Amino acid sequence: MNFDIQDYYLQLLESGILIIVFLFIRQLLKRAVRNFAIKFQRLEHRTGLIMKHVNFSIFFLIALGLILIWGVDFKNLGVAMSSIFAVIGIAFFAQWSILSNITSGIIMFFTFPYKIGDYIRIHDTDASCEGFIEDIKTFHIILHTSKNEIVTYPNSMMLQKGVSIVRHRDIPNHQEIMDKNKEHLPHD
């Protein structure tokens, strides 16, 4: 078996360019997310969750690009893509609630009008809830109620229900909570 690097020159060049471009895009996205977090006073660990999603997406796209550069024959691309989409479709259907919570968590990072430490009331006819937002995770929000209960509420439901911010004078048994949004982000 004789290996000649010149036979693979084009694939190596395309792979190198692909990796460099996507790593550059990753750096741009990380800088944009970090600037957004600083501007809108988002917490470091929430910013870290979004950065993990960015990293996963970029590395997934790099792997997909490398597979296309090195391993997929265009004659069989239709069969490969239909198989991939069938598996992804089944996985999305089976894991719809998990994926919708992750997507909602990302949407909430950029557009959610509430922050950690706010006292909110969720207007749900089946299970109304109110309390301080203690943390906002990838899948759910953690509320600390006035009865000293910890309640988790799915992110996807937060986007579907009406939510009110309660003013401090209207909060039952008002207790001071440290504003975690004032934590400083570490420098890169």
N, C-alpha and C. Protein backbone atom coordinates (compact mmCIF):
# COMPACT_ATOMS: atom_id res chain seq x y z
N MET A 1 0.85 -1.17 0.00
CA MET A 1 0.00 0.00 0.00
C MET A 1 0.89 1.23 0.00
N ASN A 2 0.75 2.03 -1.02
CA ASN A 2 1.58 3.20 -1.19
C ASN A 2 0.72 4.44 -0.95
N PHE A 3 1.10 5.24 0.03
CA PHE A 3 0.36 6.45 0.39
C PHE A 3 1.10 7.67 -0.16
N ASP A 4 0.43 8.41 -1.03
CA ASP A 4 1.02 9.61 -1.60
C ASP A 4 0.15 10.81 -1.20
N ILE A 5 0.74 11.74 -0.48
CA ILE A 5 0.01 12.88 0.05
C ILE A 5 -0.53 13.78 -1.05
N GLN A 6 0.10 13.77 -2.22
CA GLN A 6 -0.36 14.61 -3.32
C GLN A 6 -1.70 14.14 -3.88
N ASP A 7 -2.02 12.86 -3.67
CA ASP A 7 -3.32 12.35 -4.11
C ASP A 7 -4.46 12.97 -3.29
N TYR A 8 -4.16 13.41 -2.09
CA TYR A 8 -5.17 13.95 -1.18
C TYR A 8 -4.98 15.45 -0.93
N TYR A 9 -4.23 16.10 -1.78
CA TYR A 9 -3.92 17.52 -1.59
C TYR A 9 -5.19 18.37 -1.53
N LEU A 10 -6.12 18.16 -2.44
CA LEU A 10 -7.35 18.96 -2.48
C LEU A 10 -8.19 18.75 -1.22
N GLN A 11 -8.37 17.50 -0.79
CA GLN A 11 -9.14 17.23 0.43
C GLN A 11 -8.47 17.84 1.66
N LEU A 12 -7.14 17.76 1.73
CA LEU A 12 -6.43 18.35 2.86
C LEU A 12 -6.58 19.87 2.87
N LEU A 13 -6.48 20.49 1.71
CA LEU A 13 -6.65 21.93 1.60
C LEU A 13 -8.07 22.35 1.99
N GLU A 14 -9.08 21.65 1.46
CA GLU A 14 -10.47 21.95 1.80
C GLU A 14 -10.72 21.75 3.30
N SER A 15 -10.17 20.68 3.86
CA SER A 15 -10.35 20.41 5.30
C SER A 15 -9.72 21.52 6.13
N GLY A 16 -8.53 21.95 5.76
CA GLY A 16 -7.87 23.03 6.50
C GLY A 16 -8.65 24.32 6.43
N ILE A 17 -9.12 24.66 5.24
CA ILE A 17 -9.91 25.89 5.08
C ILE A 17 -11.20 25.80 5.88
N LEU A 18 -11.87 24.65 5.81
CA LEU A 18 -13.12 24.45 6.56
C LEU A 18 -12.90 24.65 8.05
N ILE A 19 -11.87 24.03 8.58
CA ILE A 19 -11.60 24.13 10.02
C ILE A 19 -11.25 25.56 10.41
N ILE A 20 -10.42 26.23 9.64
CA ILE A 20 -10.04 27.61 9.95
C ILE A 20 -11.25 28.54 9.90
N VAL A 21 -12.09 28.40 8.87
CA VAL A 21 -13.27 29.26 8.73
C VAL A 21 -14.23 29.05 9.89
N PHE A 22 -14.51 27.79 10.23
CA PHE A 22 -15.46 27.54 11.31
C PHE A 22 -14.90 27.94 12.68
N LEU A 23 -13.60 27.79 12.89
CA LEU A 23 -13.02 28.25 14.15
C LEU A 23 -13.06 29.78 14.23
N PHE A 24 -12.89 30.45 13.11
CA PHE A 24 -13.01 31.91 13.08
C PHE A 24 -14.46 32.32 13.39
N ILE A 25 -15.42 31.63 12.78
CA ILE A 25 -16.84 31.91 13.05
C ILE A 25 -17.15 31.66 14.53
N ARG A 26 -16.58 30.60 15.09
CA ARG A 26 -16.77 30.29 16.51
C ARG A 26 -16.28 31.43 17.38
N GLN A 27 -15.10 31.98 17.07
CA GLN A 27 -14.56 33.09 17.85
C GLN A 27 -15.46 34.32 17.73
N LEU A 28 -15.97 34.59 16.52
CA LEU A 28 -16.88 35.72 16.33
C LEU A 28 -18.16 35.54 17.15
N LEU A 29 -18.72 34.33 17.12
CA LEU A 29 -19.94 34.06 17.87
C LEU A 29 -19.71 34.16 19.38
N LYS A 30 -18.57 33.63 19.84
CA LYS A 30 -18.26 33.72 21.27
C LYS A 30 -18.12 35.18 21.70
N ARG A 31 -17.47 35.99 20.88
CA ARG A 31 -17.31 37.40 21.21
C ARG A 31 -18.67 38.10 21.21
N ALA A 32 -19.53 37.78 20.24
CA ALA A 32 -20.85 38.40 20.18
C ALA A 32 -21.70 38.01 21.39
N VAL A 33 -21.67 36.75 21.79
CA VAL A 33 -22.43 36.30 22.96
C VAL A 33 -21.89 36.97 24.22
N ARG A 34 -20.59 37.03 24.36
CA ARG A 34 -19.97 37.66 25.53
C ARG A 34 -20.34 39.15 25.60
N ASN A 35 -20.28 39.85 24.47
CA ASN A 35 -20.66 41.27 24.46
C ASN A 35 -22.13 41.46 24.80
N PHE A 36 -22.99 40.57 24.28
CA PHE A 36 -24.41 40.63 24.59
C PHE A 36 -24.63 40.40 26.08
N ALA A 37 -23.92 39.43 26.65
CA ALA A 37 -24.07 39.13 28.08
C ALA A 37 -23.64 40.31 28.94
N ILE A 38 -22.58 40.97 28.56
CA ILE A 38 -22.11 42.13 29.32
C ILE A 38 -23.10 43.28 29.18
N LYS A 39 -23.57 43.53 27.97
CA LYS A 39 -24.48 44.65 27.71
C LYS A 39 -25.80 44.49 28.45
N PHE A 40 -26.34 43.27 28.47
CA PHE A 40 -27.64 43.04 29.07
C PHE A 40 -27.55 42.35 30.43
N GLN A 41 -26.36 42.34 31.03
CA GLN A 41 -26.13 41.85 32.39
C GLN A 41 -26.63 40.41 32.58
N ARG A 42 -26.18 39.53 31.72
CA ARG A 42 -26.49 38.12 31.87
C ARG A 42 -25.42 37.47 32.75
N LEU A 43 -25.78 36.42 33.43
CA LEU A 43 -24.85 35.74 34.32
C LEU A 43 -23.80 34.95 33.56
N GLU A 44 -22.65 34.79 34.20
CA GLU A 44 -21.55 34.05 33.59
C GLU A 44 -21.95 32.62 33.28
N HIS A 45 -22.61 31.91 34.22
CA HIS A 45 -22.93 30.51 33.94
C HIS A 45 -24.00 30.38 32.86
N ARG A 46 -24.89 31.35 32.72
CA ARG A 46 -25.85 31.34 31.62
C ARG A 46 -25.13 31.57 30.31
N THR A 47 -24.16 32.46 30.32
CA THR A 47 -23.37 32.72 29.12
C THR A 47 -22.58 31.47 28.76
N GLY A 48 -22.07 30.78 29.76
CA GLY A 48 -21.34 29.53 29.52
C GLY A 48 -22.21 28.48 28.86
N LEU A 49 -23.48 28.40 29.23
CA LEU A 49 -24.39 27.43 28.60
C LEU A 49 -24.56 27.75 27.11
N ILE A 50 -24.72 29.02 26.79
CA ILE A 50 -24.87 29.40 25.39
C ILE A 50 -23.58 29.11 24.63
N MET A 51 -22.44 29.35 25.26
CA MET A 51 -21.14 29.06 24.63
C MET A 51 -21.01 27.56 24.34
N LYS A 52 -21.50 26.72 25.25
CA LYS A 52 -21.46 25.28 25.01
C LYS A 52 -22.30 24.92 23.78
N HIS A 53 -23.45 25.56 23.64
CA HIS A 53 -24.30 25.31 22.46
C HIS A 53 -23.60 25.76 21.19
N VAL A 54 -22.94 26.91 21.25
CA VAL A 54 -22.18 27.41 20.09
C VAL A 54 -21.07 26.43 19.72
N ASN A 55 -20.29 25.99 20.73
CA ASN A 55 -19.20 25.04 20.49
C ASN A 55 -19.71 23.74 19.88
N PHE A 56 -20.79 23.21 20.43
CA PHE A 56 -21.35 21.96 19.91
C PHE A 56 -21.78 22.13 18.46
N SER A 57 -22.46 23.23 18.16
CA SER A 57 -22.94 23.46 16.79
C SER A 57 -21.78 23.58 15.80
N ILE A 58 -20.75 24.34 16.19
CA ILE A 58 -19.61 24.53 15.30
C ILE A 58 -18.89 23.21 15.06
N PHE A 59 -18.64 22.45 16.11
CA PHE A 59 -17.92 21.19 15.93
C PHE A 59 -18.76 20.16 15.17
N PHE A 60 -20.08 20.21 15.34
CA PHE A 60 -20.95 19.35 14.55
C PHE A 60 -20.86 19.71 13.07
N LEU A 61 -20.87 21.01 12.76
CA LEU A 61 -20.76 21.44 11.37
C LEU A 61 -19.39 21.12 10.78
N ILE A 62 -18.34 21.22 11.60
CA ILE A 62 -17.00 20.84 11.12
C ILE A 62 -16.98 19.34 10.79
N ALA A 63 -17.53 18.52 11.68
CA ALA A 63 -17.55 17.08 11.44
C ALA A 63 -18.37 16.75 10.20
N LEU A 64 -19.51 17.41 10.04
CA LEU A 64 -20.33 17.17 8.85
C LEU A 64 -19.58 17.58 7.59
N GLY A 65 -18.90 18.72 7.64
CA GLY A 65 -18.11 19.17 6.49
C GLY A 65 -16.98 18.22 6.15
N LEU A 66 -16.30 17.71 7.17
CA LEU A 66 -15.20 16.76 6.93
C LEU A 66 -15.73 15.45 6.36
N ILE A 67 -16.90 15.02 6.81
CA ILE A 67 -17.49 13.81 6.25
C ILE A 67 -17.80 14.01 4.77
N LEU A 68 -18.35 15.18 4.45
CA LEU A 68 -18.66 15.45 3.04
C LEU A 68 -17.38 15.56 2.20
N ILE A 69 -16.33 16.16 2.76
CA ILE A 69 -15.08 16.30 2.02
C ILE A 69 -14.40 14.95 1.81
N TRP A 70 -14.40 14.11 2.83
CA TRP A 70 -13.60 12.89 2.78
C TRP A 70 -14.37 11.61 2.47
N GLY A 71 -15.68 11.56 2.81
CA GLY A 71 -16.25 10.23 2.78
C GLY A 71 -17.51 9.99 2.01
N VAL A 72 -18.24 11.00 1.61
CA VAL A 72 -19.53 10.74 0.98
C VAL A 72 -19.39 10.88 -0.53
N ASP A 73 -19.76 9.85 -1.22
CA ASP A 73 -19.78 9.87 -2.68
C ASP A 73 -21.08 10.55 -3.12
N PHE A 74 -21.00 11.52 -4.02
CA PHE A 74 -22.17 12.29 -4.41
C PHE A 74 -23.25 11.43 -5.07
N LYS A 75 -22.88 10.27 -5.63
CA LYS A 75 -23.88 9.39 -6.23
C LYS A 75 -24.78 8.80 -5.14
N ASN A 76 -24.21 8.57 -3.96
CA ASN A 76 -24.96 7.98 -2.86
C ASN A 76 -25.42 9.03 -1.85
N LEU A 77 -25.25 10.30 -2.16
CA LEU A 77 -25.60 11.36 -1.22
C LEU A 77 -27.10 11.36 -0.91
N GLY A 78 -27.93 11.11 -1.90
CA GLY A 78 -29.38 11.07 -1.68
C GLY A 78 -29.78 10.01 -0.68
N VAL A 79 -29.21 8.82 -0.82
CA VAL A 79 -29.50 7.72 0.10
C VAL A 79 -29.00 8.07 1.50
N ALA A 80 -27.79 8.59 1.59
CA ALA A 80 -27.22 8.95 2.89
C ALA A 80 -28.04 10.04 3.56
N MET A 81 -28.42 11.09 2.81
CA MET A 81 -29.18 12.20 3.40
C MET A 81 -30.57 11.75 3.82
N SER A 82 -31.24 10.92 3.03
CA SER A 82 -32.57 10.45 3.43
C SER A 82 -32.49 9.59 4.68
N SER A 83 -31.45 8.79 4.80
CA SER A 83 -31.27 7.98 6.01
C SER A 83 -31.00 8.87 7.21
N ILE A 84 -30.14 9.86 7.03
CA ILE A 84 -29.83 10.78 8.13
C ILE A 84 -31.08 11.53 8.56
N PHE A 85 -31.85 12.05 7.60
CA PHE A 85 -33.05 12.80 7.95
C PHE A 85 -34.11 11.91 8.59
N ALA A 86 -34.19 10.64 8.19
CA ALA A 86 -35.14 9.73 8.83
C ALA A 86 -34.78 9.53 10.30
N VAL A 87 -33.50 9.30 10.57
CA VAL A 87 -33.06 9.11 11.96
C VAL A 87 -33.26 10.39 12.76
N ILE A 88 -32.89 11.53 12.18
CA ILE A 88 -33.05 12.80 12.88
C ILE A 88 -34.53 13.09 13.13
N GLY A 89 -35.37 12.81 12.13
CA GLY A 89 -36.81 13.03 12.30
C GLY A 89 -37.39 12.21 13.43
N ILE A 90 -37.00 10.95 13.53
CA ILE A 90 -37.47 10.10 14.62
C ILE A 90 -36.93 10.61 15.95
N ALA A 91 -35.66 10.98 15.97
CA ALA A 91 -35.07 11.49 17.21
C ALA A 91 -35.73 12.79 17.64
N PHE A 92 -36.01 13.69 16.68
CA PHE A 92 -36.67 14.95 17.03
C PHE A 92 -38.08 14.70 17.56
N PHE A 93 -38.78 13.77 16.93
CA PHE A 93 -40.13 13.48 17.39
C PHE A 93 -40.10 12.88 18.79
N ALA A 94 -39.18 11.96 19.02
CA ALA A 94 -39.10 11.29 20.32
C ALA A 94 -38.60 12.24 21.41
N GLN A 95 -37.76 13.18 21.04
CA GLN A 95 -37.17 14.09 22.03
C GLN A 95 -37.67 15.52 21.87
N TRP A 96 -38.88 15.68 21.38
CA TRP A 96 -39.38 17.01 21.07
C TRP A 96 -39.36 17.94 22.28
N SER A 97 -39.80 17.46 23.43
CA SER A 97 -39.88 18.34 24.59
C SER A 97 -38.49 18.76 25.06
N ILE A 98 -37.53 17.87 25.00
CA ILE A 98 -36.16 18.21 25.40
C ILE A 98 -35.60 19.26 24.44
N LEU A 99 -35.75 19.03 23.15
CA LEU A 99 -35.24 19.98 22.17
C LEU A 99 -35.95 21.33 22.25
N SER A 100 -37.25 21.31 22.50
CA SER A 100 -37.97 22.59 22.60
C SER A 100 -37.54 23.35 23.84
N ASN A 101 -37.21 22.65 24.93
CA ASN A 101 -36.72 23.33 26.12
C ASN A 101 -35.33 23.93 25.89
N ILE A 102 -34.47 23.22 25.18
CA ILE A 102 -33.14 23.76 24.88
C ILE A 102 -33.27 24.98 23.98
N THR A 103 -34.09 24.86 22.93
CA THR A 103 -34.30 25.99 22.02
C THR A 103 -34.91 27.17 22.77
N SER A 104 -35.87 26.90 23.64
CA SER A 104 -36.48 27.97 24.42
C SER A 104 -35.45 28.61 25.35
N GLY A 105 -34.56 27.81 25.92
CA GLY A 105 -33.51 28.36 26.78
C GLY A 105 -32.60 29.31 26.02
N ILE A 106 -32.27 28.96 24.78
CA ILE A 106 -31.43 29.85 23.95
C ILE A 106 -32.19 31.12 23.59
N ILE A 107 -33.46 30.98 23.21
CA ILE A 107 -34.28 32.15 22.90
C ILE A 107 -34.40 33.06 24.12
N MET A 108 -34.62 32.45 25.28
CA MET A 108 -34.77 33.23 26.50
C MET A 108 -33.49 33.97 26.87
N PHE A 109 -32.35 33.42 26.53
CA PHE A 109 -31.09 34.11 26.83
C PHE A 109 -31.03 35.45 26.11
N PHE A 110 -31.48 35.47 24.86
CA PHE A 110 -31.37 36.68 24.06
C PHE A 110 -32.58 37.61 24.18
N THR A 111 -33.77 37.08 24.51
CA THR A 111 -34.97 37.93 24.48
C THR A 111 -35.78 37.94 25.76
N PHE A 112 -35.43 37.18 26.76
CA PHE A 112 -36.23 37.06 27.98
C PHE A 112 -36.19 38.38 28.75
N PRO A 113 -37.33 38.99 29.07
CA PRO A 113 -37.32 40.29 29.76
C PRO A 113 -37.07 40.18 31.26
N TYR A 114 -36.98 38.98 31.79
CA TYR A 114 -36.79 38.79 33.22
C TYR A 114 -35.36 38.33 33.47
N LYS A 115 -34.89 38.55 34.67
CA LYS A 115 -33.54 38.11 35.01
C LYS A 115 -33.57 37.43 36.36
N ILE A 116 -32.48 36.79 36.69
CA ILE A 116 -32.37 36.10 37.96
C ILE A 116 -32.51 37.13 39.08
N GLY A 117 -33.35 36.79 40.05
CA GLY A 117 -33.62 37.70 41.17
C GLY A 117 -34.97 38.39 41.05
N ASP A 118 -35.58 38.40 39.85
CA ASP A 118 -36.90 39.00 39.68
C ASP A 118 -37.97 38.11 40.31
N TYR A 119 -39.00 38.73 40.85
CA TYR A 119 -40.16 38.00 41.38
C TYR A 119 -41.20 37.98 40.27
N ILE A 120 -41.57 36.80 39.82
CA ILE A 120 -42.51 36.67 38.69
C ILE A 120 -43.74 35.88 39.09
N ARG A 121 -44.80 36.08 38.33
CA ARG A 121 -46.03 35.30 38.49
C ARG A 121 -46.33 34.68 37.13
N ILE A 122 -46.46 33.35 37.10
CA ILE A 122 -46.78 32.62 35.86
C ILE A 122 -48.28 32.39 35.83
N HIS A 123 -48.94 32.88 34.78
CA HIS A 123 -50.39 32.79 34.67
C HIS A 123 -50.75 31.50 33.92
N ASP A 124 -50.89 30.44 34.67
CA ASP A 124 -51.22 29.13 34.13
C ASP A 124 -52.51 28.69 34.79
N THR A 125 -53.53 28.36 34.00
CA THR A 125 -54.82 27.98 34.58
C THR A 125 -54.72 26.67 35.37
N ASP A 126 -53.84 25.77 34.95
CA ASP A 126 -53.71 24.49 35.63
C ASP A 126 -52.82 24.57 36.87
N ALA A 127 -51.71 25.24 36.76
CA ALA A 127 -50.74 25.27 37.86
C ALA A 127 -50.07 26.64 37.91
N SER A 128 -50.80 27.61 38.44
CA SER A 128 -50.25 28.95 38.58
C SER A 128 -49.11 28.93 39.60
N CYS A 129 -48.09 29.74 39.36
CA CYS A 129 -46.92 29.71 40.24
C CYS A 129 -46.31 31.10 40.29
N GLU A 130 -45.71 31.44 41.43
CA GLU A 130 -44.99 32.69 41.54
C GLU A 130 -43.83 32.53 42.50
N GLY A 131 -42.80 33.31 42.26
CA GLY A 131 -41.62 33.25 43.11
C GLY A 131 -40.46 33.99 42.48
N PHE A 132 -39.34 33.98 43.19
CA PHE A 132 -38.12 34.60 42.70
C PHE A 132 -37.45 33.66 41.71
N ILE A 133 -36.95 34.20 40.62
CA ILE A 133 -36.16 33.38 39.70
C ILE A 133 -34.80 33.17 40.35
N GLU A 134 -34.53 31.94 40.71
CA GLU A 134 -33.26 31.62 41.36
C GLU A 134 -32.18 31.29 40.34
N ASP A 135 -32.59 30.63 39.25
CA ASP A 135 -31.64 30.29 38.20
C ASP A 135 -32.39 29.97 36.92
N ILE A 136 -31.73 30.14 35.79
CA ILE A 136 -32.29 29.79 34.49
C ILE A 136 -31.32 28.81 33.85
N LYS A 137 -31.75 27.59 33.71
CA LYS A 137 -30.92 26.50 33.18
C LYS A 137 -31.24 26.26 31.71
N THR A 138 -30.59 25.25 31.15
CA THR A 138 -30.82 24.90 29.75
C THR A 138 -32.24 24.39 29.53
N PHE A 139 -32.78 23.60 30.47
CA PHE A 139 -34.08 22.98 30.28
C PHE A 139 -35.21 23.64 31.07
N HIS A 140 -34.89 24.32 32.17
CA HIS A 140 -35.95 24.83 33.04
C HIS A 140 -35.48 26.06 33.83
N ILE A 141 -36.48 26.70 34.44
CA ILE A 141 -36.23 27.83 35.34
C ILE A 141 -36.49 27.34 36.76
N ILE A 142 -35.66 27.78 37.69
CA ILE A 142 -35.84 27.41 39.08
C ILE A 142 -36.43 28.62 39.81
N LEU A 143 -37.62 28.43 40.39
CA LEU A 143 -38.29 29.48 41.14
C LEU A 143 -38.24 29.15 42.63
N HIS A 144 -38.02 30.17 43.44
CA HIS A 144 -38.05 30.03 44.89
C HIS A 144 -39.32 30.75 45.35
N THR A 145 -40.31 30.00 45.83
CA THR A 145 -41.60 30.57 46.19
C THR A 145 -41.55 31.21 47.58
N SER A 146 -42.60 31.98 47.88
CA SER A 146 -42.69 32.61 49.20
C SER A 146 -42.92 31.58 50.31
N LYS A 147 -43.33 30.36 49.95
CA LYS A 147 -43.51 29.27 50.93
C LYS A 147 -42.22 28.47 51.10
N ASN A 148 -41.11 29.03 50.58
CA ASN A 148 -39.78 28.41 50.66
C ASN A 148 -39.71 27.08 49.90
N GLU A 149 -40.46 26.98 48.82
CA GLU A 149 -40.41 25.81 47.95
C GLU A 149 -39.54 26.14 46.74
N ILE A 150 -38.89 25.12 46.21
CA ILE A 150 -38.13 25.26 44.97
C ILE A 150 -38.95 24.59 43.87
N VAL A 151 -39.30 25.37 42.85
CA VAL A 151 -40.14 24.87 41.75
C VAL A 151 -39.34 24.99 40.46
N THR A 152 -39.34 23.93 39.68
CA THR A 152 -38.74 24.00 38.35
C THR A 152 -39.88 24.12 37.34
N TYR A 153 -39.69 24.99 36.38
CA TYR A 153 -40.71 25.24 35.36
C TYR A 153 -40.04 25.14 34.00
N PRO A 154 -40.55 24.33 33.08
CA PRO A 154 -39.90 24.13 31.78
C PRO A 154 -39.79 25.42 30.98
N ASN A 155 -38.65 25.59 30.31
CA ASN A 155 -38.42 26.78 29.50
C ASN A 155 -39.48 26.95 28.41
N SER A 156 -39.86 25.84 27.77
CA SER A 156 -40.84 25.95 26.68
C SER A 156 -42.18 26.45 27.19
N MET A 157 -42.54 26.10 28.41
CA MET A 157 -43.80 26.57 28.99
C MET A 157 -43.72 28.05 29.34
N MET A 158 -42.53 28.53 29.70
CA MET A 158 -42.37 29.96 30.02
C MET A 158 -42.67 30.83 28.81
N LEU A 159 -42.36 30.33 27.63
CA LEU A 159 -42.63 31.10 26.41
C LEU A 159 -44.08 30.99 25.96
N GLN A 160 -44.81 30.00 26.50
CA GLN A 160 -46.20 29.78 26.09
C GLN A 160 -47.20 30.42 27.05
N LYS A 161 -46.80 30.70 28.27
CA LYS A 161 -47.71 31.24 29.29
C LYS A 161 -47.44 32.71 29.50
N GLY A 162 -48.43 33.39 30.01
CA GLY A 162 -48.25 34.78 30.39
C GLY A 162 -47.45 34.84 31.69
N VAL A 163 -46.51 35.77 31.74
CA VAL A 163 -45.66 35.92 32.92
C VAL A 163 -45.61 37.40 33.27
N SER A 164 -45.78 37.71 34.56
CA SER A 164 -45.73 39.09 35.03
C SER A 164 -44.56 39.25 35.99
N ILE A 165 -43.93 40.41 35.94
CA ILE A 165 -42.94 40.77 36.96
C ILE A 165 -43.71 41.51 38.05
N VAL A 166 -43.55 41.05 39.29
CA VAL A 166 -44.24 41.65 40.42
C VAL A 166 -43.33 42.70 41.04
N ARG A 167 -43.89 43.90 41.30
CA ARG A 167 -43.11 44.97 41.92
C ARG A 167 -42.79 44.61 43.37
N HIS A 168 -41.71 45.17 43.89
CA HIS A 168 -41.24 44.82 45.24
C HIS A 168 -42.29 45.04 46.32
N ARG A 169 -43.09 46.09 46.23
CA ARG A 169 -44.05 46.34 47.31
C ARG A 169 -45.21 45.36 47.28
N ASP A 170 -45.40 44.65 46.15
CA ASP A 170 -46.49 43.68 46.03
C ASP A 170 -46.06 42.25 46.32
N ILE A 171 -44.80 42.06 46.65
CA ILE A 171 -44.29 40.71 46.88
C ILE A 171 -44.67 40.26 48.29
N PRO A 172 -45.33 39.10 48.42
CA PRO A 172 -45.64 38.60 49.76
C PRO A 172 -44.37 38.18 50.49
N ASN A 173 -44.28 38.54 51.77
CA ASN A 173 -43.11 38.20 52.59
C ASN A 173 -41.83 38.57 51.87
N HIS A 174 -41.77 39.82 51.44
CA HIS A 174 -40.62 40.29 50.65
C HIS A 174 -39.31 39.98 51.36
N GLN A 175 -38.43 39.33 50.68
CA GLN A 175 -37.10 39.02 51.22
C GLN A 175 -36.06 39.50 50.23
N GLU A 176 -35.00 40.04 50.75
CA GLU A 176 -33.94 40.53 49.87
C GLU A 176 -33.16 39.36 49.30
N ILE A 177 -32.96 39.37 48.01
CA ILE A 177 -32.16 38.35 47.34
C ILE A 177 -31.01 39.05 46.65
N MET A 178 -29.85 38.49 46.82
CA MET A 178 -28.68 39.08 46.16
C MET A 178 -28.91 39.07 44.65
N ASP A 179 -28.64 40.17 44.03
CA ASP A 179 -28.82 40.27 42.58
C ASP A 179 -27.63 39.60 41.90
N LYS A 180 -27.82 38.37 41.46
CA LYS A 180 -26.76 37.61 40.83
C LYS A 180 -26.37 38.19 39.48
N ASN A 181 -27.23 39.04 38.92
CA ASN A 181 -26.92 39.63 37.63
C ASN A 181 -25.81 40.67 37.72
N LYS A 182 -25.42 41.05 38.91
CA LYS A 182 -24.36 42.02 39.08
C LYS A 182 -22.98 41.36 39.14
N GLU A 183 -22.94 40.01 39.08
CA GLU A 183 -21.66 39.32 39.07
C GLU A 183 -20.88 39.72 37.82
N HIS A 184 -19.58 39.84 37.94
CA HIS A 184 -18.77 40.24 36.81
C HIS A 184 -18.36 39.03 35.99
N LEU A 185 -18.31 39.21 34.69
CA LEU A 185 -17.86 38.15 33.80
C LEU A 185 -16.34 38.14 33.80
N PRO A 186 -15.72 36.95 33.86
CA PRO A 186 -14.27 36.91 33.82
C PRO A 186 -13.77 37.30 32.43
N HIS A 187 -12.58 37.82 32.39
CA HIS A 187 -11.99 38.21 31.12
C HIS A 187 -11.47 36.98 30.38
N ASP A 188 -11.56 37.02 29.06
CA ASP A 188 -11.06 35.90 28.24
C ASP A 188 -9.57 35.94 28.14
